[in-house]
PDB file of N, CA and C in Angstrom:
ATOM      1  N   MET A   1     -56.905 -39.580 116.938  1.00  0.00           N
ATOM      2  CA  MET A   1     -57.442 -38.432 117.509  1.00  0.00           C
ATOM      3  C   MET A   1     -57.072 -38.341 118.967  1.00  0.00           C
ATOM      4  N   GLN A   2     -56.723 -36.986 119.323  1.00  0.00           N
ATOM      5  CA  GLN A   2     -56.289 -36.697 120.659  1.00  0.00           C
ATOM      6  C   GLN A   2     -57.481 -36.780 121.631  1.00  0.00           C
ATOM      7  N   GLU A   3     -57.386 -37.464 122.879  1.00  0.00           N
ATOM      8  CA  GLU A   3     -58.313 -37.527 123.720  1.00  0.00           C
ATOM      9  C   GLU A   3     -58.524 -36.206 124.502  1.00  0.00           C
ATOM     10  N   VAL A   4     -59.714 -35.704 124.710  1.00  0.00           N
ATOM     11  CA  VAL A   4     -60.035 -34.502 125.479  1.00  0.00           C
ATOM     12  C   VAL A   4     -60.083 -34.766 126.934  1.00  0.00           C
ATOM     13  N   LEU A   5     -59.405 -33.911 127.669  1.00  0.00           N
ATOM     14  CA  LEU A   5     -59.326 -34.045 129.146  1.00  0.00           C
ATOM     15  C   LEU A   5     -60.557 -33.453 129.746  1.00  0.00           C
ATOM     16  N   ARG A   6     -61.170 -34.247 130.631  1.00  0.00           N
ATOM     17  CA  ARG A   6     -62.405 -33.783 131.348  1.00  0.00           C
ATOM     18  C   ARG A   6     -62.251 -33.723 132.686  1.00  0.00           C
ATOM     19  N   GLY A   7     -62.991 -32.753 133.349  1.00  0.00           N
ATOM     20  CA  GLY A   7     -62.920 -32.598 134.872  1.00  0.00           C
ATOM     21  C   GLY A   7     -62.095 -31.521 135.074  1.00  0.00           C
ATOM     22  N   SER A   8     -61.648 -31.314 136.342  1.00  0.00           N
ATOM     23  CA  SER A   8     -60.806 -30.225 136.711  1.00  0.00           C
ATOM     24  C   SER A   8     -59.369 -30.677 136.808  1.00  0.00           C
ATOM     25  N   MET A   9     -58.495 -29.713 136.702  1.00  0.00           N
ATOM     26  CA  MET A   9     -57.082 -29.936 136.811  1.00  0.00           C
ATOM     27  C   MET A   9     -56.581 -29.181 138.000  1.00  0.00           C
ATOM     28  N   GLU A  10     -55.412 -29.656 138.704  1.00  0.00           N
ATOM     29  CA  GLU A  10     -54.969 -28.960 139.818  1.00  0.00           C
ATOM     30  C   GLU A  10     -54.292 -27.592 139.414  1.00  0.00           C
ATOM     31  N   ASN A  11     -54.627 -26.631 140.169  1.00  0.00           N
ATOM     32  CA  ASN A  11     -54.069 -25.367 140.012  1.00  0.00           C
ATOM     33  C   ASN A  11     -52.705 -25.381 140.735  1.00  0.00           C
ATOM     34  N   LEU A  12     -51.559 -25.375 140.141  1.00  0.00           N
ATOM     35  CA  LEU A  12     -50.258 -25.455 140.775  1.00  0.00           C
ATOM     36  C   LEU A  12     -49.835 -24.156 141.475  1.00  0.00           C
ATOM     37  N   LEU A  13     -50.463 -23.052 140.951  1.00  0.00           N
ATOM     38  CA  LEU A  13     -50.193 -21.811 141.653  1.00  0.00           C
ATOM     39  C   LEU A  13     -50.671 -21.711 143.148  1.00  0.00           C
ATOM     40  N   LEU A  14     -51.759 -22.497 143.450  1.00  0.00           N
ATOM     41  CA  LEU A  14     -52.283 -22.527 144.746  1.00  0.00           C
ATOM     42  C   LEU A  14     -51.285 -23.180 145.802  1.00  0.00           C
ATOM     43  N   LYS A  15     -50.215 -23.769 145.259  1.00  0.00           N
ATOM     44  CA  LYS A  15     -49.206 -24.279 146.165  1.00  0.00           C
ATOM     45  C   LYS A  15     -48.174 -23.160 146.660  1.00  0.00           C
ATOM     46  N   VAL A  16     -48.162 -22.105 145.981  1.00  0.00           N
ATOM     47  CA  VAL A  16     -47.334 -20.970 146.331  1.00  0.00           C
ATOM     48  C   VAL A  16     -47.952 -19.771 146.810  1.00  0.00           C
ATOM     49  N   ALA A  17     -49.215 -19.591 146.571  1.00  0.00           N
ATOM     50  CA  ALA A  17     -49.961 -18.365 146.963  1.00  0.00           C
ATOM     51  C   ALA A  17     -51.523 -18.648 147.123  1.00  0.00           C
ATOM     52  N   PRO A  18     -52.067 -17.901 148.016  1.00  0.00           N
ATOM     53  CA  PRO A  18     -53.645 -18.076 148.073  1.00  0.00           C
ATOM     54  C   PRO A  18     -54.444 -17.591 147.012  1.00  0.00           C
ATOM     55  N   LYS A  19     -55.527 -18.081 146.646  1.00  0.00           N
ATOM     56  CA  LYS A  19     -56.349 -17.887 145.486  1.00  0.00           C
ATOM     57  C   LYS A  19     -56.552 -16.398 145.400  1.00  0.00           C
ATOM     58  N   GLU A  20     -56.862 -15.658 146.396  1.00  0.00           N
ATOM     59  CA  GLU A  20     -57.177 -14.209 146.341  1.00  0.00           C
ATOM     60  C   GLU A  20     -55.928 -13.486 145.706  1.00  0.00           C
ATOM     61  N   GLU A  21     -54.638 -13.860 146.209  1.00  0.00           N
ATOM     62  CA  GLU A  21     -53.604 -13.163 145.626  1.00  0.00           C
ATOM     63  C   GLU A  21     -53.290 -13.428 144.159  1.00  0.00           C
ATOM     64  N   ILE A  22     -53.621 -14.660 143.791  1.00  0.00           N
ATOM     65  CA  ILE A  22     -53.446 -15.110 142.334  1.00  0.00           C
ATOM     66  C   ILE A  22     -54.488 -14.311 141.545  1.00  0.00           C
ATOM     67  N   ASP A  23     -55.672 -14.295 142.064  1.00  0.00           N
ATOM     68  CA  ASP A  23     -56.757 -13.589 141.242  1.00  0.00           C
ATOM     69  C   ASP A  23     -56.359 -12.156 141.131  1.00  0.00           C
ATOM     70  N   LYS A  24     -55.958 -11.417 142.062  1.00  0.00           N
ATOM     71  CA  LYS A  24     -55.503 -10.080 142.101  1.00  0.00           C
ATOM     72  C   LYS A  24     -54.366  -9.726 141.138  1.00  0.00           C
ATOM     73  N   LYS A  25     -53.306 -10.693 141.141  1.00  0.00           N
ATOM     74  CA  LYS A  25     -52.305 -10.491 140.124  1.00  0.00           C
ATOM     75  C   LYS A  25     -52.716 -10.693 138.639  1.00  0.00           C
ATOM     76  N   LEU A  26     -53.612 -11.726 138.398  1.00  0.00           N
ATOM     77  CA  LEU A  26     -54.070 -11.942 137.072  1.00  0.00           C
ATOM     78  C   LEU A  26     -54.869 -10.846 136.559  1.00  0.00           C
ATOM     79  N   GLU A  27     -55.634 -10.232 137.493  1.00  0.00           N
ATOM     80  CA  GLU A  27     -56.568  -9.029 137.077  1.00  0.00           C
ATOM     81  C   GLU A  27     -55.533  -7.928 136.790  1.00  0.00           C
ATOM     82  N   HIS A  28     -54.496  -7.780 137.531  1.00  0.00           N
ATOM     83  CA  HIS A  28     -53.580  -6.666 137.267  1.00  0.00           C
ATOM     84  C   HIS A  28     -52.914  -6.809 135.823  1.00  0.00           C
ATOM     85  N   VAL A  29     -52.464  -8.028 135.596  1.00  0.00           N
ATOM     86  CA  VAL A  29     -51.787  -8.390 134.326  1.00  0.00           C
ATOM     87  C   VAL A  29     -52.820  -8.181 133.132  1.00  0.00           C
ATOM     88  N   PHE A  30     -53.995  -8.610 133.347  1.00  0.00           N
ATOM     89  CA  PHE A  30     -54.997  -8.457 132.346  1.00  0.00           C
ATOM     90  C   PHE A  30     -55.303  -6.889 132.114  1.00  0.00           C
ATOM     91  N   GLU A  31     -55.525  -6.110 132.972  1.00  0.00           N
ATOM     92  CA  GLU A  31     -55.668  -4.746 132.922  1.00  0.00           C
ATOM     93  C   GLU A  31     -54.468  -3.936 132.219  1.00  0.00           C
ATOM     94  N   THR A  32     -53.309  -4.451 132.572  1.00  0.00           N
ATOM     95  CA  THR A  32     -52.040  -3.855 132.088  1.00  0.00           C
ATOM     96  C   THR A  32     -52.013  -4.124 130.520  1.00  0.00           C
ATOM     97  N   LEU A  33     -52.342  -5.257 130.093  1.00  0.00           N
ATOM     98  CA  LEU A  33     -52.207  -5.626 128.689  1.00  0.00           C
ATOM     99  C   LEU A  33     -53.421  -5.203 127.913  1.00  0.00           C
ATOM    100  N   PHE A  34     -54.541  -5.349 128.405  1.00  0.00           N
ATOM    101  CA  PHE A  34     -55.824  -4.997 127.664  1.00  0.00           C
ATOM    102  C   PHE A  34     -56.641  -3.852 128.007  1.00  0.00           C
ATOM    103  N   GLY A  35     -56.323  -3.248 129.199  1.00  0.00           N
ATOM    104  CA  GLY A  35     -57.091  -2.028 129.633  1.00  0.00           C
ATOM    105  C   GLY A  35     -56.941  -0.952 128.794  1.00  0.00           C
ATOM    106  N   GLN A  36     -57.981  -0.252 128.549  1.00  0.00           N
ATOM    107  CA  GLN A  36     -58.050   0.985 127.649  1.00  0.00           C
ATOM    108  C   GLN A  36     -57.122   2.129 128.144  1.00  0.00           C
ATOM    109  N   GLU A  37     -56.962   2.263 129.416  1.00  0.00           N
ATOM    110  CA  GLU A  37     -56.158   3.356 129.959  1.00  0.00           C
ATOM    111  C   GLU A  37     -54.601   2.983 130.281  1.00  0.00           C
ATOM    112  N   SER A  38     -54.279   1.795 129.956  1.00  0.00           N
ATOM    113  CA  SER A  38     -52.881   1.288 130.339  1.00  0.00           C
ATOM    114  C   SER A  38     -51.864   1.782 129.150  1.00  0.00           C
ATOM    115  N   PRO A  39     -50.865   2.477 129.526  1.00  0.00           N
ATOM    116  CA  PRO A  39     -49.838   2.885 128.486  1.00  0.00           C
ATOM    117  C   PRO A  39     -49.000   1.577 128.011  1.00  0.00           C
ATOM    118  N   GLU A  40     -49.094   0.465 128.820  1.00  0.00           N
ATOM    119  CA  GLU A  40     -48.433  -0.748 128.324  1.00  0.00           C
ATOM    120  C   GLU A  40     -49.366  -1.768 127.608  1.00  0.00           C
ATOM    121  N   ARG A  41     -50.537  -1.329 127.206  1.00  0.00           N
ATOM    122  CA  ARG A  41     -51.479  -2.184 126.606  1.00  0.00           C
ATOM    123  C   ARG A  41     -50.882  -2.679 125.179  1.00  0.00           C
ATOM    124  N   ILE A  42     -51.443  -3.961 124.823  1.00  0.00           N
ATOM    125  CA  ILE A  42     -50.964  -4.603 123.584  1.00  0.00           C
ATOM    126  C   ILE A  42     -52.231  -4.729 122.630  1.00  0.00           C
ATOM    127  N   TYR A  43     -53.570  -4.615 123.195  1.00  0.00           N
ATOM    128  CA  TYR A  43     -54.779  -4.826 122.442  1.00  0.00           C
ATOM    129  C   TYR A  43     -55.413  -3.425 122.142  1.00  0.00           C
ATOM    130  N   PHE A  44     -55.624  -3.174 120.859  1.00  0.00           N
ATOM    131  CA  PHE A  44     -56.282  -2.037 120.350  1.00  0.00           C
ATOM    132  C   PHE A  44     -57.446  -2.273 119.390  1.00  0.00           C
ATOM    133  N   GLU A  45     -58.504  -1.469 119.662  1.00  0.00           N
ATOM    134  CA  GLU A  45     -59.577  -1.563 118.564  1.00  0.00           C
ATOM    135  C   GLU A  45     -59.708  -0.367 117.811  1.00  0.00           C
ATOM    136  N   GLU A  46     -59.946  -0.454 116.567  1.00  0.00           N
ATOM    137  CA  GLU A  46     -60.230   0.694 115.591  1.00  0.00           C
ATOM    138  C   GLU A  46     -61.284   0.488 114.764  1.00  0.00           C
ATOM    139  N   ASP A  47     -62.380   1.198 114.902  1.00  0.00           N
ATOM    140  CA  ASP A  47     -63.557   1.017 114.010  1.00  0.00           C
ATOM    141  C   ASP A  47     -64.225  -0.396 114.252  1.00  0.00           C
ATOM    142  N   ASP A  48     -64.181  -1.170 113.200  1.00  0.00           N
ATOM    143  CA  ASP A  48     -64.813  -2.541 113.354  1.00  0.00           C
ATOM    144  C   ASP A  48     -63.665  -3.686 113.370  1.00  0.00           C
ATOM    145  N   MET A  49     -62.426  -3.253 113.685  1.00  0.00           N
ATOM    146  CA  MET A  49     -61.317  -4.102 113.617  1.00  0.00           C
ATOM    147  C   MET A  49     -60.644  -3.951 115.092  1.00  0.00           C
ATOM    148  N   ALA A  50     -59.846  -5.041 115.287  1.00  0.00           N
ATOM    149  CA  ALA A  50     -58.892  -5.003 116.554  1.00  0.00           C
ATOM    150  C   ALA A  50     -57.656  -5.662 116.243  1.00  0.00           C
ATOM    151  N   TYR A  51     -56.612  -5.308 117.032  1.00  0.00           N
ATOM    152  CA  TYR A  51     -55.359  -6.064 116.709  1.00  0.00           C
ATOM    153  C   TYR A  51     -54.567  -6.191 118.035  1.00  0.00           C
ATOM    154  N   ILE A  52     -53.570  -7.042 118.100  1.00  0.00           N
ATOM    155  CA  ILE A  52     -52.691  -7.296 119.210  1.00  0.00           C
ATOM    156  C   ILE A  52     -51.252  -6.915 118.705  1.00  0.00           C
ATOM    157  N   VAL A  53     -50.525  -6.096 119.301  1.00  0.00           N
ATOM    158  CA  VAL A  53     -49.124  -5.807 118.987  1.00  0.00           C
ATOM    159  C   VAL A  53     -48.246  -6.921 119.214  1.00  0.00           C
ATOM    160  N   ASP A  54     -47.510  -7.282 118.175  1.00  0.00           N
ATOM    161  CA  ASP A  54     -46.462  -8.261 118.290  1.00  0.00           C
ATOM    162  C   ASP A  54     -45.169  -7.567 118.785  1.00  0.00           C
ATOM    163  N   THR A  55     -44.901  -7.675 120.149  1.00  0.00           N
ATOM    164  CA  THR A  55     -43.963  -6.893 120.833  1.00  0.00           C
ATOM    165  C   THR A  55     -42.503  -7.421 120.420  1.00  0.00           C
ATOM    166  N   GLY A  56     -42.452  -8.642 119.942  1.00  0.00           N
ATOM    167  CA  GLY A  56     -41.068  -9.200 119.500  1.00  0.00           C
ATOM    168  C   GLY A  56     -40.576  -8.597 118.237  1.00  0.00           C
ATOM    169  N   ASN A  57     -41.558  -8.117 117.421  1.00  0.00           N
ATOM    170  CA  ASN A  57     -41.167  -7.600 116.090  1.00  0.00           C
ATOM    171  C   ASN A  57     -41.707  -6.173 115.879  1.00  0.00           C
ATOM    172  N   ASP A  58     -42.346  -5.616 116.855  1.00  0.00           N
ATOM    173  CA  ASP A  58     -42.960  -4.356 116.795  1.00  0.00           C
ATOM    174  C   ASP A  58     -43.876  -4.215 115.638  1.00  0.00           C
ATOM    175  N   ASP A  59     -44.791  -5.136 115.473  1.00  0.00           N
ATOM    176  CA  ASP A  59     -45.610  -5.250 114.306  1.00  0.00           C
ATOM    177  C   ASP A  59     -47.022  -5.672 114.799  1.00  0.00           C
ATOM    178  N   VAL A  60     -48.040  -5.873 113.978  1.00  0.00           N
ATOM    179  CA  VAL A  60     -49.356  -6.365 114.348  1.00  0.00           C
ATOM    180  C   VAL A  60     -49.686  -7.661 113.587  1.00  0.00           C
TER     181      VAL A  60
END
């Protein structure tokens, strides 16, 4: 059985940018991919279902 890591892990991004900048970029990427108004989104909901577009094969 694989051992579960407990505790916190070091955020290596903090070595190259401040936390506020990292958070801002992550929010932008999330909104781009999952935001309802984004033309580049990959997540769609229809009725009681949802899907993520497979951009490599242009499929769902």
